[in-house]
N, C-alpha and C. Protein backbone atom coordinates (compact mmCIF):
# COMPACT_ATOMS: atom_id res chain seq x y z
N UNK A 1 29.34 -78.40 -7.72
CA UNK A 1 28.23 -79.27 -8.08
C UNK A 1 26.93 -78.51 -7.82
N UNK A 2 26.01 -78.62 -8.75
CA UNK A 2 24.75 -77.89 -8.69
C UNK A 2 23.92 -78.34 -7.48
N UNK A 3 23.17 -77.41 -6.91
CA UNK A 3 22.35 -77.69 -5.73
C UNK A 3 21.29 -78.76 -6.03
N UNK A 4 20.77 -78.81 -7.25
CA UNK A 4 19.79 -79.85 -7.62
C UNK A 4 20.44 -81.23 -7.51
N UNK A 5 21.67 -81.35 -7.98
CA UNK A 5 22.39 -82.62 -7.88
C UNK A 5 22.59 -83.02 -6.43
N UNK A 6 22.91 -82.05 -5.59
CA UNK A 6 23.12 -82.35 -4.18
C UNK A 6 21.83 -82.81 -3.50
N UNK A 7 20.73 -82.15 -3.83
CA UNK A 7 19.43 -82.55 -3.24
C UNK A 7 19.07 -83.95 -3.69
N UNK A 8 19.26 -84.25 -4.97
CA UNK A 8 18.92 -85.58 -5.46
C UNK A 8 19.91 -86.64 -4.98
N UNK A 9 21.12 -86.25 -4.66
CA UNK A 9 22.06 -87.19 -4.03
C UNK A 9 21.51 -87.60 -2.67
N UNK A 10 20.97 -86.66 -1.92
CA UNK A 10 20.38 -86.98 -0.62
C UNK A 10 19.09 -87.79 -0.77
N UNK A 11 18.31 -87.49 -1.80
CA UNK A 11 17.10 -88.28 -2.07
C UNK A 11 17.49 -89.72 -2.41
N UNK A 12 18.48 -89.89 -3.27
CA UNK A 12 18.95 -91.23 -3.64
C UNK A 12 19.45 -91.97 -2.41
N UNK A 13 20.18 -91.29 -1.56
CA UNK A 13 20.66 -91.92 -0.33
C UNK A 13 19.49 -92.33 0.56
N UNK A 14 18.49 -91.47 0.68
CA UNK A 14 17.33 -91.79 1.52
C UNK A 14 16.57 -93.01 0.98
N UNK A 15 16.42 -93.08 -0.32
CA UNK A 15 15.75 -94.23 -0.93
C UNK A 15 16.50 -95.51 -0.58
N UNK A 16 17.80 -95.50 -0.74
CA UNK A 16 18.59 -96.71 -0.51
C UNK A 16 18.69 -97.05 0.98
N UNK A 17 18.75 -96.06 1.83
CA UNK A 17 18.76 -96.34 3.28
C UNK A 17 17.42 -96.94 3.69
N UNK A 18 16.33 -96.45 3.14
CA UNK A 18 15.02 -96.97 3.52
C UNK A 18 14.78 -98.39 3.01
N UNK A 19 15.37 -98.74 1.89
CA UNK A 19 15.21 -100.09 1.35
C UNK A 19 16.06 -101.10 2.13
N UNK A 20 17.16 -100.64 2.69
CA UNK A 20 18.07 -101.53 3.42
C UNK A 20 17.37 -102.38 4.48
N UNK A 21 16.65 -101.82 5.45
CA UNK A 21 16.02 -102.69 6.45
C UNK A 21 14.88 -103.53 5.87
N UNK A 22 14.21 -103.01 4.84
CA UNK A 22 13.13 -103.79 4.24
C UNK A 22 13.66 -105.08 3.63
N UNK A 23 14.78 -104.98 2.93
CA UNK A 23 15.34 -106.17 2.30
C UNK A 23 16.13 -107.04 3.27
N UNK A 24 16.85 -106.43 4.17
CA UNK A 24 17.73 -107.20 5.05
C UNK A 24 17.02 -107.81 6.26
N UNK A 25 16.03 -107.11 6.79
CA UNK A 25 15.46 -107.54 8.07
C UNK A 25 13.96 -107.75 8.06
N UNK A 26 13.23 -107.02 7.25
CA UNK A 26 11.76 -107.01 7.34
C UNK A 26 11.06 -107.70 6.18
N UNK A 27 11.79 -108.35 5.33
CA UNK A 27 11.22 -108.94 4.12
C UNK A 27 10.09 -109.92 4.43
N UNK A 28 10.22 -110.71 5.47
CA UNK A 28 9.22 -111.72 5.79
C UNK A 28 7.99 -111.13 6.48
N UNK A 29 8.04 -109.89 6.88
CA UNK A 29 6.90 -109.25 7.54
C UNK A 29 5.82 -108.96 6.50
N UNK A 30 4.62 -109.26 6.78
CA UNK A 30 3.50 -109.16 5.86
C UNK A 30 3.40 -107.83 5.11
N UNK A 31 3.47 -106.66 5.76
CA UNK A 31 3.28 -105.41 4.99
C UNK A 31 4.33 -105.21 3.89
N UNK A 32 5.52 -105.75 4.08
CA UNK A 32 6.60 -105.49 3.12
C UNK A 32 6.57 -106.44 1.93
N UNK A 33 5.79 -107.51 2.04
CA UNK A 33 5.70 -108.45 0.92
C UNK A 33 5.19 -107.72 -0.32
N UNK A 34 4.24 -106.82 -0.15
CA UNK A 34 3.70 -106.08 -1.30
C UNK A 34 4.71 -105.12 -1.90
N UNK A 35 5.61 -104.60 -1.07
CA UNK A 35 6.65 -103.70 -1.57
C UNK A 35 7.48 -104.42 -2.62
N UNK A 36 7.78 -105.68 -2.37
CA UNK A 36 8.63 -106.45 -3.27
C UNK A 36 7.83 -107.27 -4.27
N UNK A 37 6.49 -107.14 -4.24
CA UNK A 37 5.60 -107.76 -5.22
C UNK A 37 5.77 -109.27 -5.35
N UNK A 38 6.12 -109.93 -4.26
CA UNK A 38 6.28 -111.38 -4.34
C UNK A 38 4.97 -112.10 -4.12
N UNK A 39 4.06 -111.52 -3.33
CA UNK A 39 2.78 -112.13 -3.07
C UNK A 39 2.84 -113.25 -2.05
N UNK A 40 4.04 -113.69 -1.70
CA UNK A 40 4.18 -114.78 -0.75
C UNK A 40 5.55 -114.69 -0.08
N UNK A 41 5.60 -115.19 1.13
CA UNK A 41 6.90 -115.27 1.80
C UNK A 41 7.41 -116.71 1.79
N UNK A 42 6.80 -117.57 0.99
CA UNK A 42 7.18 -118.98 0.96
C UNK A 42 8.65 -119.18 0.63
N UNK A 43 9.22 -118.29 -0.19
CA UNK A 43 10.62 -118.47 -0.59
C UNK A 43 11.59 -117.75 0.35
N UNK A 44 11.09 -117.07 1.36
CA UNK A 44 11.95 -116.24 2.20
C UNK A 44 13.12 -116.99 2.84
N UNK A 45 12.95 -118.17 3.43
CA UNK A 45 14.11 -118.84 4.04
C UNK A 45 15.21 -119.17 3.03
N UNK A 46 14.82 -119.53 1.83
CA UNK A 46 15.82 -119.90 0.81
C UNK A 46 16.62 -118.71 0.30
N UNK A 47 16.06 -117.53 0.41
CA UNK A 47 16.75 -116.36 -0.12
C UNK A 47 17.20 -115.39 0.97
N UNK A 48 17.16 -115.82 2.22
CA UNK A 48 17.48 -114.93 3.34
C UNK A 48 18.88 -114.31 3.20
N UNK A 49 19.90 -115.11 2.92
CA UNK A 49 21.26 -114.59 2.79
C UNK A 49 21.37 -113.63 1.61
N UNK A 50 20.73 -113.97 0.50
CA UNK A 50 20.73 -113.09 -0.67
C UNK A 50 20.09 -111.74 -0.34
N UNK A 51 18.93 -111.78 0.32
CA UNK A 51 18.23 -110.54 0.68
C UNK A 51 19.06 -109.69 1.64
N UNK A 52 19.67 -110.35 2.61
CA UNK A 52 20.50 -109.65 3.58
C UNK A 52 21.63 -108.90 2.85
N UNK A 53 22.27 -109.58 1.91
CA UNK A 53 23.36 -108.99 1.14
C UNK A 53 22.86 -107.82 0.28
N UNK A 54 21.74 -107.99 -0.40
CA UNK A 54 21.20 -106.93 -1.26
C UNK A 54 20.82 -105.71 -0.43
N UNK A 55 20.28 -105.94 0.75
CA UNK A 55 19.95 -104.82 1.63
C UNK A 55 21.18 -104.02 2.00
N UNK A 56 22.25 -104.71 2.36
CA UNK A 56 23.47 -103.99 2.70
C UNK A 56 24.12 -103.34 1.49
N UNK A 57 23.95 -103.92 0.32
CA UNK A 57 24.41 -103.30 -0.92
C UNK A 57 23.75 -101.92 -1.05
N UNK A 58 22.45 -101.86 -0.77
CA UNK A 58 21.73 -100.58 -0.83
C UNK A 58 22.24 -99.61 0.23
N UNK A 59 22.52 -100.10 1.42
CA UNK A 59 23.05 -99.24 2.47
C UNK A 59 24.41 -98.67 2.05
N UNK A 60 25.27 -99.50 1.48
CA UNK A 60 26.60 -99.03 1.09
C UNK A 60 26.52 -97.99 -0.03
N UNK A 61 25.58 -98.16 -0.96
CA UNK A 61 25.37 -97.15 -2.00
C UNK A 61 24.96 -95.82 -1.36
N UNK A 62 24.04 -95.90 -0.40
CA UNK A 62 23.57 -94.69 0.29
C UNK A 62 24.71 -94.01 1.04
N UNK A 63 25.51 -94.79 1.75
CA UNK A 63 26.62 -94.22 2.51
C UNK A 63 27.65 -93.57 1.59
N UNK A 64 27.88 -94.16 0.42
CA UNK A 64 28.78 -93.55 -0.55
C UNK A 64 28.25 -92.22 -1.05
N UNK A 65 26.95 -92.17 -1.30
CA UNK A 65 26.33 -90.92 -1.76
C UNK A 65 26.42 -89.85 -0.66
N UNK A 66 26.18 -90.25 0.57
CA UNK A 66 26.30 -89.32 1.70
C UNK A 66 27.74 -88.85 1.85
N UNK A 67 28.70 -89.76 1.68
CA UNK A 67 30.12 -89.37 1.76
C UNK A 67 30.46 -88.35 0.68
N UNK A 68 29.90 -88.52 -0.52
CA UNK A 68 30.12 -87.54 -1.58
C UNK A 68 29.54 -86.19 -1.22
N UNK A 69 28.35 -86.18 -0.66
CA UNK A 69 27.71 -84.94 -0.24
C UNK A 69 28.53 -84.25 0.85
N UNK A 70 28.98 -85.02 1.84
CA UNK A 70 29.79 -84.46 2.92
C UNK A 70 31.09 -83.89 2.37
N UNK A 71 31.72 -84.62 1.46
CA UNK A 71 32.97 -84.14 0.85
C UNK A 71 32.73 -82.79 0.16
N UNK A 72 31.63 -82.67 -0.56
CA UNK A 72 31.30 -81.39 -1.20
C UNK A 72 31.17 -80.28 -0.17
N UNK A 73 30.43 -80.55 0.88
CA UNK A 73 30.18 -79.54 1.90
C UNK A 73 31.46 -79.15 2.64
N UNK A 74 32.44 -80.05 2.67
CA UNK A 74 33.72 -79.75 3.31
C UNK A 74 34.72 -79.11 2.36
N UNK A 75 34.28 -78.85 1.11
CA UNK A 75 35.13 -78.17 0.16
C UNK A 75 35.96 -79.07 -0.74
N UNK A 76 35.72 -80.37 -0.70
CA UNK A 76 36.45 -81.31 -1.55
C UNK A 76 35.61 -81.60 -2.80
N UNK A 77 35.55 -80.62 -3.68
CA UNK A 77 34.68 -80.64 -4.86
C UNK A 77 34.92 -81.86 -5.75
N UNK A 78 36.18 -82.13 -6.06
CA UNK A 78 36.49 -83.23 -6.98
C UNK A 78 36.10 -84.58 -6.39
N UNK A 79 36.43 -84.80 -5.15
CA UNK A 79 36.09 -86.07 -4.48
C UNK A 79 34.57 -86.23 -4.40
N UNK A 80 33.90 -85.18 -3.91
CA UNK A 80 32.46 -85.25 -3.75
C UNK A 80 31.74 -85.45 -5.06
N UNK A 81 32.13 -84.70 -6.06
CA UNK A 81 31.48 -84.81 -7.37
C UNK A 81 31.74 -86.18 -7.99
N UNK A 82 32.95 -86.67 -7.87
CA UNK A 82 33.28 -87.99 -8.42
C UNK A 82 32.44 -89.08 -7.77
N UNK A 83 32.35 -89.06 -6.46
CA UNK A 83 31.53 -90.06 -5.76
C UNK A 83 30.07 -89.98 -6.19
N UNK A 84 29.52 -88.79 -6.20
CA UNK A 84 28.11 -88.63 -6.51
C UNK A 84 27.80 -89.03 -7.95
N UNK A 85 28.61 -88.59 -8.89
CA UNK A 85 28.36 -88.92 -10.30
C UNK A 85 28.54 -90.41 -10.55
N UNK A 86 29.58 -91.01 -9.99
CA UNK A 86 29.79 -92.45 -10.17
C UNK A 86 28.63 -93.25 -9.58
N UNK A 87 28.26 -92.93 -8.35
CA UNK A 87 27.18 -93.67 -7.70
C UNK A 87 25.83 -93.43 -8.39
N UNK A 88 25.62 -92.22 -8.91
CA UNK A 88 24.39 -91.95 -9.67
C UNK A 88 24.34 -92.85 -10.91
N UNK A 89 25.44 -92.95 -11.63
CA UNK A 89 25.50 -93.82 -12.81
C UNK A 89 25.29 -95.28 -12.42
N UNK A 90 25.87 -95.68 -11.30
CA UNK A 90 25.73 -97.04 -10.78
C UNK A 90 24.26 -97.33 -10.47
N UNK A 91 23.58 -96.36 -9.82
CA UNK A 91 22.17 -96.53 -9.47
C UNK A 91 21.29 -96.58 -10.71
N UNK A 92 21.59 -95.78 -11.71
CA UNK A 92 20.83 -95.81 -12.96
C UNK A 92 21.00 -97.19 -13.62
N UNK A 93 22.23 -97.66 -13.69
CA UNK A 93 22.48 -98.98 -14.29
C UNK A 93 21.77 -100.08 -13.50
N UNK A 94 21.79 -99.97 -12.18
CA UNK A 94 21.09 -100.95 -11.35
C UNK A 94 19.59 -100.93 -11.55
N UNK A 95 19.03 -99.74 -11.68
CA UNK A 95 17.59 -99.62 -11.93
C UNK A 95 17.20 -100.20 -13.27
N UNK A 96 18.00 -99.93 -14.29
CA UNK A 96 17.73 -100.48 -15.62
C UNK A 96 17.84 -102.00 -15.57
N UNK A 97 18.86 -102.51 -14.92
CA UNK A 97 19.04 -103.96 -14.80
C UNK A 97 17.85 -104.60 -14.10
N UNK A 98 17.37 -103.96 -13.04
CA UNK A 98 16.21 -104.49 -12.32
C UNK A 98 14.99 -104.58 -13.22
N UNK A 99 14.71 -103.52 -13.96
CA UNK A 99 13.53 -103.50 -14.83
C UNK A 99 13.66 -104.53 -15.96
N UNK A 100 14.85 -104.63 -16.54
CA UNK A 100 15.06 -105.57 -17.63
C UNK A 100 14.94 -107.02 -17.14
N UNK A 101 15.48 -107.29 -15.96
CA UNK A 101 15.48 -108.67 -15.45
C UNK A 101 14.16 -109.06 -14.80
N UNK A 102 13.42 -108.08 -14.28
CA UNK A 102 12.14 -108.37 -13.62
C UNK A 102 11.17 -107.21 -13.90
N UNK A 103 10.55 -107.19 -15.08
CA UNK A 103 9.70 -106.06 -15.45
C UNK A 103 8.60 -105.71 -14.44
N UNK A 104 8.11 -106.68 -13.69
CA UNK A 104 7.06 -106.37 -12.72
C UNK A 104 7.60 -105.52 -11.55
N UNK A 105 8.90 -105.39 -11.45
CA UNK A 105 9.51 -104.57 -10.40
C UNK A 105 9.89 -103.18 -10.92
N UNK A 106 9.19 -102.72 -11.94
CA UNK A 106 9.51 -101.43 -12.58
C UNK A 106 9.48 -100.28 -11.59
N UNK A 107 8.61 -100.33 -10.59
CA UNK A 107 8.56 -99.23 -9.61
C UNK A 107 9.87 -99.15 -8.82
N UNK A 108 10.38 -100.30 -8.44
CA UNK A 108 11.66 -100.32 -7.74
C UNK A 108 12.79 -99.84 -8.62
N UNK A 109 12.75 -100.21 -9.89
CA UNK A 109 13.75 -99.74 -10.84
C UNK A 109 13.72 -98.24 -11.00
N UNK A 110 12.51 -97.68 -11.07
CA UNK A 110 12.38 -96.22 -11.16
C UNK A 110 12.88 -95.55 -9.89
N UNK A 111 12.50 -96.11 -8.75
CA UNK A 111 12.95 -95.54 -7.48
C UNK A 111 14.45 -95.51 -7.36
N UNK A 112 15.09 -96.52 -7.90
CA UNK A 112 16.54 -96.57 -7.86
C UNK A 112 17.18 -95.66 -8.91
N UNK A 113 16.60 -95.59 -10.08
CA UNK A 113 17.25 -94.91 -11.19
C UNK A 113 16.94 -93.42 -11.32
N UNK A 114 15.72 -93.01 -11.03
CA UNK A 114 15.32 -91.62 -11.32
C UNK A 114 16.19 -90.57 -10.61
N UNK A 115 16.47 -90.70 -9.30
CA UNK A 115 17.34 -89.68 -8.70
C UNK A 115 18.71 -89.60 -9.40
N UNK A 116 19.25 -90.76 -9.77
CA UNK A 116 20.53 -90.77 -10.48
C UNK A 116 20.45 -90.11 -11.84
N UNK A 117 19.34 -90.33 -12.55
CA UNK A 117 19.15 -89.70 -13.85
C UNK A 117 19.12 -88.18 -13.69
N UNK A 118 18.40 -87.70 -12.68
CA UNK A 118 18.34 -86.25 -12.44
C UNK A 118 19.73 -85.70 -12.15
N UNK A 119 20.50 -86.39 -11.33
CA UNK A 119 21.87 -85.95 -11.02
C UNK A 119 22.71 -85.88 -12.29
N UNK A 120 22.69 -86.96 -13.06
CA UNK A 120 23.53 -87.01 -14.27
C UNK A 120 23.12 -85.95 -15.29
N UNK A 121 21.82 -85.79 -15.50
CA UNK A 121 21.36 -84.78 -16.46
C UNK A 121 21.69 -83.37 -15.98
N UNK A 122 21.51 -83.12 -14.69
CA UNK A 122 21.83 -81.80 -14.14
C UNK A 122 23.30 -81.47 -14.33
N UNK A 123 24.16 -82.41 -14.04
CA UNK A 123 25.59 -82.18 -14.18
C UNK A 123 26.01 -82.07 -15.64
N UNK A 124 25.39 -82.88 -16.49
CA UNK A 124 25.70 -82.82 -17.93
C UNK A 124 25.29 -81.46 -18.50
N UNK A 125 24.09 -81.01 -18.17
CA UNK A 125 23.62 -79.72 -18.68
C UNK A 125 24.40 -78.56 -18.08
N UNK A 126 24.82 -78.71 -16.85
CA UNK A 126 25.59 -77.67 -16.18
C UNK A 126 26.95 -77.49 -16.83
N UNK A 127 27.51 -78.58 -17.34
CA UNK A 127 28.85 -78.53 -17.92
C UNK A 127 28.85 -78.35 -19.43
N UNK A 128 27.67 -78.23 -20.04
CA UNK A 128 27.66 -78.08 -21.52
C UNK A 128 27.54 -76.63 -21.93
């Protein structure tokens, strides 16, 4: 797997790890309200369980990407590449879904999708 793909796998993991506590634990804190563009925390109690789950979803994506990177570094090329490419495609699809369903969250969609796009394009061009 190309070094660019590996670097962007770590970037994608870092993005998702950093979003995890924001969504799961810190959503109601004033500075993070702007991150999610809600403008208010009035709905926070009603969506607490949903936010908690989405935060951990991001953590699990990050851990999968890290597992793929570790597998590569340990010499398990097929396992590592499969994990990274699958999760990159998953993140791209998630980013597109976010933008389509909530256009005002386009920054979050880009943050989720762009590292995956770089990984997929790098691997596609590397294999063509």
